[in-house]
Amino acid sequence: MKYKVNGVFFSATGTTKKVVSKLAKDLAENLKSDTYFHDFTQPLNREKSLKFNDKDIVIVGLPVYAGRVPNVLINYLNTIKSDGAKAVAVVLFGNRDYDDALIELKNILKANGFKVIAGGAFVGEHSFSTTLAQGRPDKMDLEKVSRFANQIHSKISSGSGQEVVVPGNESYRPYYKPKDDKGEDVDFRKIKPKTNEDCTDCKLCVSLCPMGSIDYDDVSKLNYICIKCGACIKNCPVNAKYYDDEDYLRHKYELEIELTERKEPEIFL
């Protein structure tokens, strides 16, 4: 059968896009197939549902937020439907853990009609930091992506349609919550980025915000939620965006000093 290989992803800072794009292109090369991409990072790209059939292989990639699939994306994910398509579930985590994110993504895809034949958890630079998992996915990570593509190709070519088994709890753990200095849970949903006087009002942050939250007329104002994706902060050309919340900064520091050991990608077939 002649397949189409599809990369479908949310990637605020580009790490998930890098892995999904590499995996899709390498798999398509192995299968001598065409490649198609749907980047649903921006709100407008989440307005139209997607439908795939038995001629499609769909690689769906998401970042891990607090050990789970980002809850703001679940409604859209449930509009991605399949009539016999094969799927590969991919999650990107910031060198802490992916907890139940991979099994959650697999189950969402399965419930929407996909046959999930492979899964992978890869490491990307943490959205809070430029030092935690700095520069990842790096060359070694992408080499593992290529090997993963080869393994998926072998599985498909062998005629095996066996559903993949991935680690995690079927009764998903609650979203991971950082602690304050008293050991009590912190509600990160209330924390918002600030804008300093170096801002040139270039509006880049407005175009990058995946929630469409940054006000066009006043870029220091948020009209909707902040999911702490790091897009506005990491891409600001004059470093005008920042967080000054004490609990956020404490958690960022804890992550950077506690998670120095390099975590490696994990793949499942």
C-alpha atoms as a PDB file:
ATOM      1  CA  MET A   1       0.000   0.000   0.000  1.00  0.00           C
ATOM      2  CA  LYS A   2       1.152   3.542  -0.773  1.00  0.00           C
ATOM      3  CA  TYR A   3       0.980   5.529   2.453  1.00  0.00           C
ATOM      4  CA  LYS A   4       0.890   9.233   3.204  1.00  0.00           C
ATOM      5  CA  VAL A   5       2.968  10.232   6.229  1.00  0.00           C
ATOM      6  CA  ASN A   6       1.460  13.086   8.246  1.00  0.00           C
ATOM      7  CA  GLY A   7       3.127  15.114  10.981  1.00  0.00           C
ATOM      8  CA  VAL A   8       0.589  16.746  13.304  1.00  0.00           C
ATOM      9  CA  PHE A   9       1.952  18.770  16.196  1.00  0.00           C
ATOM     10  CA  PHE A  10       1.755  21.569  18.759  1.00  0.00           C
ATOM     11  CA  SER A  11       5.151  23.198  19.284  1.00  0.00           C
ATOM     12  CA  ALA A  12       5.351  26.622  20.927  1.00  0.00           C
ATOM     13  CA  THR A  13       9.165  26.765  21.030  1.00  0.00           C
ATOM     14  CA  GLY A  14       9.962  24.392  18.166  1.00  0.00           C
ATOM     15  CA  THR A  15      11.236  21.326  20.030  1.00  0.00           C
ATOM     16  CA  THR A  16       8.248  19.089  19.279  1.00  0.00           C
ATOM     17  CA  LYS A  17       8.204  20.296  15.677  1.00  0.00           C
ATOM     18  CA  LYS A  18      11.867  19.319  15.307  1.00  0.00           C
ATOM     19  CA  VAL A  19      11.257  15.730  16.437  1.00  0.00           C
ATOM     20  CA  VAL A  20       7.998  15.195  14.550  1.00  0.00           C
ATOM     21  CA  SER A  21       9.391  16.709  11.336  1.00  0.00           C
ATOM     22  CA  LYS A  22      12.510  14.539  11.452  1.00  0.00           C
ATOM     23  CA  LEU A  23      10.522  11.402  12.250  1.00  0.00           C
ATOM     24  CA  ALA A  24       7.960  12.037   9.513  1.00  0.00           C
ATOM     25  CA  LYS A  25      10.547  12.842   6.848  1.00  0.00           C
ATOM     26  CA  ASP A  26      12.731   9.833   7.664  1.00  0.00           C
ATOM     27  CA  LEU A  27       9.758   7.470   7.795  1.00  0.00           C
ATOM     28  CA  ALA A  28       8.412   8.846   4.510  1.00  0.00           C
ATOM     29  CA  GLU A  29      11.813   8.347   2.902  1.00  0.00           C
ATOM     30  CA  ASN A  30      11.871   4.731   4.057  1.00  0.00           C
ATOM     31  CA  LEU A  31       8.339   4.151   2.770  1.00  0.00           C
ATOM     32  CA  LYS A  32       8.905   6.177  -0.415  1.00  0.00           C
ATOM     33  CA  SER A  33       5.869   8.194   0.598  1.00  0.00           C
ATOM     34  CA  ASP A  34       4.742  11.801   0.497  1.00  0.00           C
ATOM     35  CA  THR A  35       4.869  13.911   3.661  1.00  0.00           C
ATOM     36  CA  TYR A  36       2.277  16.377   4.937  1.00  0.00           C
ATOM     37  CA  PHE A  37       2.300  18.567   8.039  1.00  0.00           C
ATOM     38  CA  HIS A  38      -0.322  20.236  10.187  1.00  0.00           C
ATOM     39  CA  ASP A  39       1.030  22.586  12.853  1.00  0.00           C
ATOM     40  CA  PHE A  40      -1.817  23.372  15.243  1.00  0.00           C
ATOM     41  CA  THR A  41       0.211  25.606  17.568  1.00  0.00           C
ATOM     42  CA  GLN A  42      -1.700  28.739  16.586  1.00  0.00           C
ATOM     43  CA  PRO A  43      -5.398  29.147  17.460  1.00  0.00           C
ATOM     44  CA  LEU A  44      -6.524  29.555  13.838  1.00  0.00           C
ATOM     45  CA  ASN A  45      -5.027  26.159  13.010  1.00  0.00           C
ATOM     46  CA  ARG A  46      -7.204  24.537  15.675  1.00  0.00           C
ATOM     47  CA  GLU A  47     -10.468  25.659  14.098  1.00  0.00           C
ATOM     48  CA  LYS A  48     -10.649  22.910  11.488  1.00  0.00           C
ATOM     49  CA  SER A  49     -10.927  19.215  12.305  1.00  0.00           C
ATOM     50  CA  LEU A  50      -8.723  16.591  10.642  1.00  0.00           C
ATOM     51  CA  LYS A  51      -9.747  13.209   9.245  1.00  0.00           C
ATOM     52  CA  PHE A  52      -7.449  10.383   8.161  1.00  0.00           C
ATOM     53  CA  ASN A  53      -7.992   6.984   6.532  1.00  0.00           C
ATOM     54  CA  ASP A  54      -6.227   3.645   6.142  1.00  0.00           C
ATOM     55  CA  LYS A  55      -3.725   5.132   3.676  1.00  0.00           C
ATOM     56  CA  ASP A  56      -2.419   7.525   6.331  1.00  0.00           C
ATOM     57  CA  ILE A  57       0.293   7.199   8.940  1.00  0.00           C
ATOM     58  CA  VAL A  58      -0.107  10.047  11.419  1.00  0.00           C
ATOM     59  CA  ILE A  59       2.634  11.164  13.811  1.00  0.00           C
ATOM     60  CA  VAL A  60       1.035  13.243  16.555  1.00  0.00           C
ATOM     61  CA  GLY A  61       3.415  15.248  18.744  1.00  0.00           C
ATOM     62  CA  LEU A  62       2.789  17.283  21.894  1.00  0.00           C
ATOM     63  CA  PRO A  63       4.800  18.816  24.732  1.00  0.00           C
ATOM     64  CA  VAL A  64       4.344  17.380  28.212  1.00  0.00           C
ATOM     65  CA  TYR A  65       2.763  19.874  30.607  1.00  0.00           C
ATOM     66  CA  ALA A  66       2.897  18.924  34.289  1.00  0.00           C
ATOM     67  CA  GLY A  67       3.223  15.250  33.375  1.00  0.00           C
ATOM     68  CA  ARG A  68       0.149  15.147  31.164  1.00  0.00           C
ATOM     69  CA  VAL A  69      -1.267  16.100  27.780  1.00  0.00           C
ATOM     70  CA  PRO A  70      -1.890  19.884  27.961  1.00  0.00           C
ATOM     71  CA  ASN A  71      -5.526  20.174  29.011  1.00  0.00           C
ATOM     72  CA  VAL A  72      -6.079  23.205  26.741  1.00  0.00           C
ATOM     73  CA  LEU A  73      -5.480  20.928  23.727  1.00  0.00           C
ATOM     74  CA  ILE A  74      -7.769  18.020  24.583  1.00  0.00           C
ATOM     75  CA  ASN A  75     -10.867  19.444  22.891  1.00  0.00           C
ATOM     76  CA  TYR A  76      -8.943  19.962  19.655  1.00  0.00           C
ATOM     77  CA  LEU A  77      -7.289  16.542  19.823  1.00  0.00           C
ATOM     78  CA  ASN A  78     -10.744  15.006  19.947  1.00  0.00           C
ATOM     79  CA  THR A  79     -11.512  16.562  16.537  1.00  0.00           C
ATOM     80  CA  ILE A  80      -8.666  14.583  14.917  1.00  0.00           C
ATOM     81  CA  LYS A  81     -10.427  11.473  13.661  1.00  0.00           C
ATOM     82  CA  SER A  82      -9.395   8.280  11.911  1.00  0.00           C
ATOM     83  CA  ASP A  83     -11.018   5.696   9.715  1.00  0.00           C
ATOM     84  CA  GLY A  84      -8.350   3.006   9.865  1.00  0.00           C
ATOM     85  CA  ALA A  85      -5.204   5.188  10.033  1.00  0.00           C
ATOM     86  CA  LYS A  86      -2.056   4.123  11.848  1.00  0.00           C
ATOM     87  CA  ALA A  87      -0.651   6.545  14.424  1.00  0.00           C
ATOM     88  CA  VAL A  88       2.590   7.215  16.275  1.00  0.00           C
ATOM     89  CA  ALA A  89       2.228   9.065  19.598  1.00  0.00           C
ATOM     90  CA  VAL A  90       5.126  11.400  20.468  1.00  0.00           C
ATOM     91  CA  VAL A  91       5.624  13.546  23.564  1.00  0.00           C
ATOM     92  CA  LEU A  92       8.427  15.995  24.442  1.00  0.00           C
ATOM     93  CA  PHE A  93       9.403  16.528  28.078  1.00  0.00           C
ATOM     94  CA  GLY A  94      11.850  18.960  29.660  1.00  0.00           C
ATOM     95  CA  ASN A  95      14.234  16.431  31.260  1.00  0.00           C
ATOM     96  CA  ARG A  96      12.020  15.812  34.332  1.00  0.00           C
ATOM     97  CA  ASP A  97       9.550  13.064  33.350  1.00  0.00           C
ATOM     98  CA  TYR A  98       6.678  12.440  30.982  1.00  0.00           C
ATOM     99  CA  ASP A  99       4.598  10.706  33.696  1.00  0.00           C
ATOM    100  CA  ASP A 100       1.243   9.758  32.102  1.00  0.00           C
ATOM    101  CA  ALA A 101       1.408  12.029  29.040  1.00  0.00           C
ATOM    102  CA  LEU A 102       2.309   9.305  26.538  1.00  0.00           C
ATOM    103  CA  ILE A 103      -0.360   6.838  27.618  1.00  0.00           C
ATOM    104  CA  GLU A 104      -2.893   9.676  27.733  1.00  0.00           C
ATOM    105  CA  LEU A 105      -2.066  10.730  24.166  1.00  0.00           C
ATOM    106  CA  LYS A 106      -2.180   7.121  22.990  1.00  0.00           C
ATOM    107  CA  ASN A 107      -5.608   6.631  24.563  1.00  0.00           C
ATOM    108  CA  ILE A 108      -6.988   9.820  23.014  1.00  0.00           C
ATOM    109  CA  LEU A 109      -5.835   8.701  19.579  1.00  0.00           C
ATOM    110  CA  LYS A 110      -7.198   5.190  20.073  1.00  0.00           C
ATOM    111  CA  ALA A 111     -10.574   6.575  21.166  1.00  0.00           C
ATOM    112  CA  ASN A 112     -10.678   8.625  17.959  1.00  0.00           C
ATOM    113  CA  GLY A 113     -10.235   5.576  15.729  1.00  0.00           C
ATOM    114  CA  PHE A 114      -6.459   5.365  15.300  1.00  0.00           C
ATOM    115  CA  LYS A 115      -4.429   2.192  15.547  1.00  0.00           C
ATOM    116  CA  VAL A 116      -1.450   3.393  17.606  1.00  0.00           C
ATOM    117  CA  ILE A 117       1.491   1.254  16.514  1.00  0.00           C
ATOM    118  CA  ALA A 118       4.387   3.137  18.157  1.00  0.00           C
ATOM    119  CA  GLY A 119       5.126   5.737  20.804  1.00  0.00           C
ATOM    120  CA  GLY A 120       8.071   7.828  21.863  1.00  0.00           C
ATOM    121  CA  ALA A 121       9.035  10.223  24.655  1.00  0.00           C
ATOM    122  CA  PHE A 122      11.797  12.635  23.670  1.00  0.00           C
ATOM    123  CA  VAL A 123      13.591  15.426  25.515  1.00  0.00           C
ATOM    124  CA  GLY A 124      13.374  19.088  24.571  1.00  0.00           C
ATOM    125  CA  GLU A 125      14.765  22.212  26.194  1.00  0.00           C
ATOM    126  CA  HIS A 126      12.473  23.043  29.101  1.00  0.00           C
ATOM    127  CA  SER A 127      10.009  25.843  28.404  1.00  0.00           C
ATOM    128  CA  PHE A 128      11.004  27.580  31.663  1.00  0.00           C
ATOM    129  CA  SER A 129      14.737  27.518  31.045  1.00  0.00           C
ATOM    130  CA  THR A 130      17.607  27.977  28.608  1.00  0.00           C
ATOM    131  CA  THR A 131      19.914  25.694  30.601  1.00  0.00           C
ATOM    132  CA  LEU A 132      17.684  22.718  31.449  1.00  0.00           C
ATOM    133  CA  ALA A 133      18.067  20.248  28.557  1.00  0.00           C
ATOM    134  CA  GLN A 134      19.757  23.097  26.720  1.00  0.00           C
ATOM    135  CA  GLY A 135      19.597  22.836  22.932  1.00  0.00           C
ATOM    136  CA  ARG A 136      17.678  19.582  22.928  1.00  0.00           C
ATOM    137  CA  PRO A 137      16.644  17.730  20.900  1.00  0.00           C
ATOM    138  CA  ASP A 138      20.307  17.647  19.892  1.00  0.00           C
ATOM    139  CA  LYS A 139      22.287  15.586  17.385  1.00  0.00           C
ATOM    140  CA  MET A 140      22.199  12.437  19.524  1.00  0.00           C
ATOM    141  CA  ASP A 141      18.444  12.790  20.034  1.00  0.00           C
ATOM    142  CA  LEU A 142      17.830  13.185  16.307  1.00  0.00           C
ATOM    143  CA  GLU A 143      19.927  10.112  15.554  1.00  0.00           C
ATOM    144  CA  LYS A 144      17.575   8.190  17.848  1.00  0.00           C
ATOM    145  CA  VAL A 145      14.635   9.694  15.979  1.00  0.00           C
ATOM    146  CA  SER A 146      16.081   8.296  12.738  1.00  0.00           C
ATOM    147  CA  ARG A 147      16.500   4.850  14.287  1.00  0.00           C
ATOM    148  CA  PHE A 148      12.930   5.059  15.547  1.00  0.00           C
ATOM    149  CA  ALA A 149      11.764   5.831  11.994  1.00  0.00           C
ATOM    150  CA  ASN A 150      13.628   2.740  10.753  1.00  0.00           C
ATOM    151  CA  GLN A 151      11.983   0.578  13.411  1.00  0.00           C
ATOM    152  CA  ILE A 152       8.514   1.890  12.596  1.00  0.00           C
ATOM    153  CA  HIS A 153       9.182   1.190   8.911  1.00  0.00           C
ATOM    154  CA  SER A 154      10.223  -2.366   9.733  1.00  0.00           C
ATOM    155  CA  LYS A 155       7.078  -2.920  11.785  1.00  0.00           C
ATOM    156  CA  ILE A 156       4.831  -1.622   9.015  1.00  0.00           C
ATOM    157  CA  SER A 157       6.694  -3.555   6.319  1.00  0.00           C
ATOM    158  CA  SER A 158       6.348  -6.789   8.286  1.00  0.00           C
ATOM    159  CA  GLY A 159       2.583  -6.392   8.203  1.00  0.00           C
ATOM    160  CA  SER A 160       2.365  -6.099  11.967  1.00  0.00           C
ATOM    161  CA  GLY A 161      -0.484  -3.890  13.058  1.00  0.00           C
ATOM    162  CA  GLN A 162      -0.042  -4.693  16.731  1.00  0.00           C
ATOM    163  CA  GLU A 163      -1.053  -1.895  19.069  1.00  0.00           C
ATOM    164  CA  VAL A 164       1.824  -0.452  21.052  1.00  0.00           C
ATOM    165  CA  VAL A 165       2.030  -0.756  24.833  1.00  0.00           C
ATOM    166  CA  VAL A 166       3.414   2.321  26.585  1.00  0.00           C
ATOM    167  CA  PRO A 167       4.121   2.992  30.265  1.00  0.00           C
ATOM    168  CA  GLY A 168       1.834   4.999  32.500  1.00  0.00           C
ATOM    169  CA  ASN A 169      -1.257   4.779  34.629  1.00  0.00           C
ATOM    170  CA  GLU A 170      -4.634   4.198  33.009  1.00  0.00           C
ATOM    171  CA  SER A 171      -6.094   6.242  35.859  1.00  0.00           C
ATOM    172  CA  TYR A 172      -3.965   9.273  35.108  1.00  0.00           C
ATOM    173  CA  ARG A 173      -2.087  10.952  37.906  1.00  0.00           C
ATOM    174  CA  PRO A 174      -3.104  14.544  38.665  1.00  0.00           C
ATOM    175  CA  TYR A 175      -1.202  17.280  36.876  1.00  0.00           C
ATOM    176  CA  TYR A 176       2.153  17.814  38.587  1.00  0.00           C
ATOM    177  CA  LYS A 177       2.056  20.797  40.962  1.00  0.00           C
ATOM    178  CA  PRO A 178       5.154  22.655  42.190  1.00  0.00           C
ATOM    179  CA  LYS A 179       5.385  23.604  45.851  1.00  0.00           C
ATOM    180  CA  ASP A 180       5.949  26.956  47.502  1.00  0.00           C
ATOM    181  CA  ASP A 181       8.442  27.587  50.322  1.00  0.00           C
ATOM    182  CA  LYS A 182       5.903  26.210  52.813  1.00  0.00           C
ATOM    183  CA  GLY A 183       5.471  22.977  50.871  1.00  0.00           C
ATOM    184  CA  GLU A 184       2.004  23.891  49.631  1.00  0.00           C
ATOM    185  CA  ASP A 185       0.781  23.514  46.040  1.00  0.00           C
ATOM    186  CA  VAL A 186       1.221  26.531  43.777  1.00  0.00           C
ATOM    187  CA  ASP A 187      -1.436  27.410  41.191  1.00  0.00           C
ATOM    188  CA  PHE A 188       0.729  28.271  38.179  1.00  0.00           C
ATOM    189  CA  ARG A 189      -2.327  29.210  36.123  1.00  0.00           C
ATOM    190  CA  LYS A 190      -2.363  32.641  37.784  1.00  0.00           C
ATOM    191  CA  ILE A 191       1.236  33.455  36.870  1.00  0.00           C
ATOM    192  CA  LYS A 192       1.687  35.745  33.871  1.00  0.00           C
ATOM    193  CA  PRO A 193       4.733  37.151  32.043  1.00  0.00           C
ATOM    194  CA  LYS A 194       5.756  40.758  32.488  1.00  0.00           C
ATOM    195  CA  THR A 195       7.077  43.179  29.869  1.00  0.00           C
ATOM    196  CA  ASN A 196       9.987  45.530  30.552  1.00  0.00           C
ATOM    197  CA  GLU A 197      10.893  48.924  29.096  1.00  0.00           C
ATOM    198  CA  ASP A 198      13.131  47.374  26.419  1.00  0.00           C
ATOM    199  CA  CYS A 199      10.026  46.309  24.473  1.00  0.00           C
ATOM    200  CA  THR A 200       9.970  47.797  20.960  1.00  0.00           C
ATOM    201  CA  ASP A 201       6.326  46.846  20.339  1.00  0.00           C
ATOM    202  CA  CYS A 202       7.320  44.653  17.386  1.00  0.00           C
ATOM    203  CA  LYS A 203       4.253  42.435  18.016  1.00  0.00           C
ATOM    204  CA  LEU A 204       6.237  39.205  17.528  1.00  0.00           C
ATOM    205  CA  CYS A 205       4.951  37.884  20.856  1.00  0.00           C
ATOM    206  CA  VAL A 206       1.367  38.500  19.707  1.00  0.00           C
ATOM    207  CA  SER A 207       1.869  36.334  16.633  1.00  0.00           C
ATOM    208  CA  LEU A 208       3.630  33.568  18.579  1.00  0.00           C
ATOM    209  CA  CYS A 209       1.295  33.148  21.564  1.00  0.00           C
ATOM    210  CA  PRO A 210      -0.463  29.793  21.038  1.00  0.00           C
ATOM    211  CA  MET A 211      -3.434  30.891  23.129  1.00  0.00           C
ATOM    212  CA  GLY A 212      -3.889  34.198  21.300  1.00  0.00           C
ATOM    213  CA  SER A 213      -3.695  35.848  24.702  1.00  0.00           C
ATOM    214  CA  ILE A 214      -1.340  38.789  24.180  1.00  0.00           C
ATOM    215  CA  ASP A 215      -3.177  42.021  23.404  1.00  0.00           C
ATOM    216  CA  TYR A 216      -2.233  43.510  20.026  1.00  0.00           C
ATOM    217  CA  ASP A 217      -2.638  47.129  21.153  1.00  0.00           C
ATOM    218  CA  ASP A 218      -0.879  46.636  24.495  1.00  0.00           C
ATOM    219  CA  VAL A 219       1.532  43.699  24.437  1.00  0.00           C
ATOM    220  CA  SER A 220       2.030  43.907  28.192  1.00  0.00           C
ATOM    221  CA  LYS A 221      -1.608  42.873  28.644  1.00  0.00           C
ATOM    222  CA  LEU A 222      -3.008  39.327  28.527  1.00  0.00           C
ATOM    223  CA  ASN A 223      -6.611  38.839  27.501  1.00  0.00           C
ATOM    224  CA  TYR A 224      -6.679  35.099  28.142  1.00  0.00           C
ATOM    225  CA  ILE A 225      -4.663  32.394  29.875  1.00  0.00           C
ATOM    226  CA  CYS A 226      -0.894  31.928  29.879  1.00  0.00           C
ATOM    227  CA  ILE A 227       0.182  28.270  29.589  1.00  0.00           C
ATOM    228  CA  LYS A 228       3.876  29.017  30.381  1.00  0.00           C
ATOM    229  CA  CYS A 229       4.984  27.692  26.991  1.00  0.00           C
ATOM    230  CA  GLY A 230       7.952  30.072  26.783  1.00  0.00           C
ATOM    231  CA  ALA A 231       7.263  31.207  23.215  1.00  0.00           C
ATOM    232  CA  CYS A 232       7.139  34.931  23.954  1.00  0.00           C
ATOM    233  CA  ILE A 233      10.103  34.879  26.327  1.00  0.00           C
ATOM    234  CA  LYS A 234      12.455  32.699  24.301  1.00  0.00           C
ATOM    235  CA  ASN A 235      11.752  34.478  21.010  1.00  0.00           C
ATOM    236  CA  CYS A 236      11.680  38.122  22.073  1.00  0.00           C
ATOM    237  CA  PRO A 237      14.500  39.841  20.135  1.00  0.00           C
ATOM    238  CA  VAL A 238      15.198  42.304  22.981  1.00  0.00           C
ATOM    239  CA  ASN A 239      14.499  40.018  25.984  1.00  0.00           C
ATOM    240  CA  ALA A 240      11.598  42.185  27.070  1.00  0.00           C
ATOM    241  CA  LYS A 241       9.388  39.354  28.348  1.00  0.00           C
ATOM    242  CA  TYR A 242      10.056  37.759  31.735  1.00  0.00           C
ATOM    243  CA  TYR A 243       8.525  36.223  34.857  1.00  0.00           C
ATOM    244  CA  ASP A 244       9.116  37.715  38.294  1.00  0.00           C
ATOM    245  CA  ASP A 245       6.745  35.577  40.342  1.00  0.00           C
ATOM    246  CA  GLU A 246       8.626  34.177  43.351  1.00  0.00           C
ATOM    247  CA  ASP A 247       7.048  30.726  43.179  1.00  0.00           C
ATOM    248  CA  TYR A 248       7.778  30.445  39.457  1.00  0.00           C
ATOM    249  CA  LEU A 249      11.407  31.490  39.929  1.00  0.00           C
ATOM    250  CA  ARG A 250      11.837  29.105  42.870  1.00  0.00           C
ATOM    251  CA  HIS A 251      10.498  26.186  40.857  1.00  0.00           C
ATOM    252  CA  LYS A 252      12.645  27.100  37.854  1.00  0.00           C
ATOM    253  CA  TYR A 253      15.739  27.189  40.076  1.00  0.00           C
ATOM    254  CA  GLU A 254      14.841  23.839  41.662  1.00  0.00           C
ATOM    255  CA  LEU A 255      14.457  22.223  38.256  1.00  0.00           C
ATOM    256  CA  GLU A 256      17.756  23.614  36.987  1.00  0.00           C
ATOM    257  CA  ILE A 257      19.781  22.400  39.978  1.00  0.00           C
ATOM    258  CA  GLU A 258      18.026  19.054  40.502  1.00  0.00           C
ATOM    259  CA  LEU A 259      17.642  17.773  36.935  1.00  0.00           C
ATOM    260  CA  THR A 260      21.186  18.016  35.623  1.00  0.00           C
ATOM    261  CA  GLU A 261      21.451  14.311  34.724  1.00  0.00           C
ATOM    262  CA  ARG A 262      20.753  13.833  31.030  1.00  0.00           C
ATOM    263  CA  LYS A 263      17.525  11.951  30.441  1.00  0.00           C
ATOM    264  CA  GLU A 264      17.354   9.884  27.260  1.00  0.00           C
ATOM    265  CA  PRO A 265      14.495   9.319  24.810  1.00  0.00           C
ATOM    266  CA  GLU A 266      12.328   6.249  25.304  1.00  0.00           C
ATOM    267  CA  ILE A 267      10.644   4.493  22.384  1.00  0.00           C
ATOM    268  CA  PHE A 268       7.991   1.781  22.244  1.00  0.00           C
ATOM    269  CA  LEU A 269       6.904  -0.468  19.372  1.00  0.00           C
END
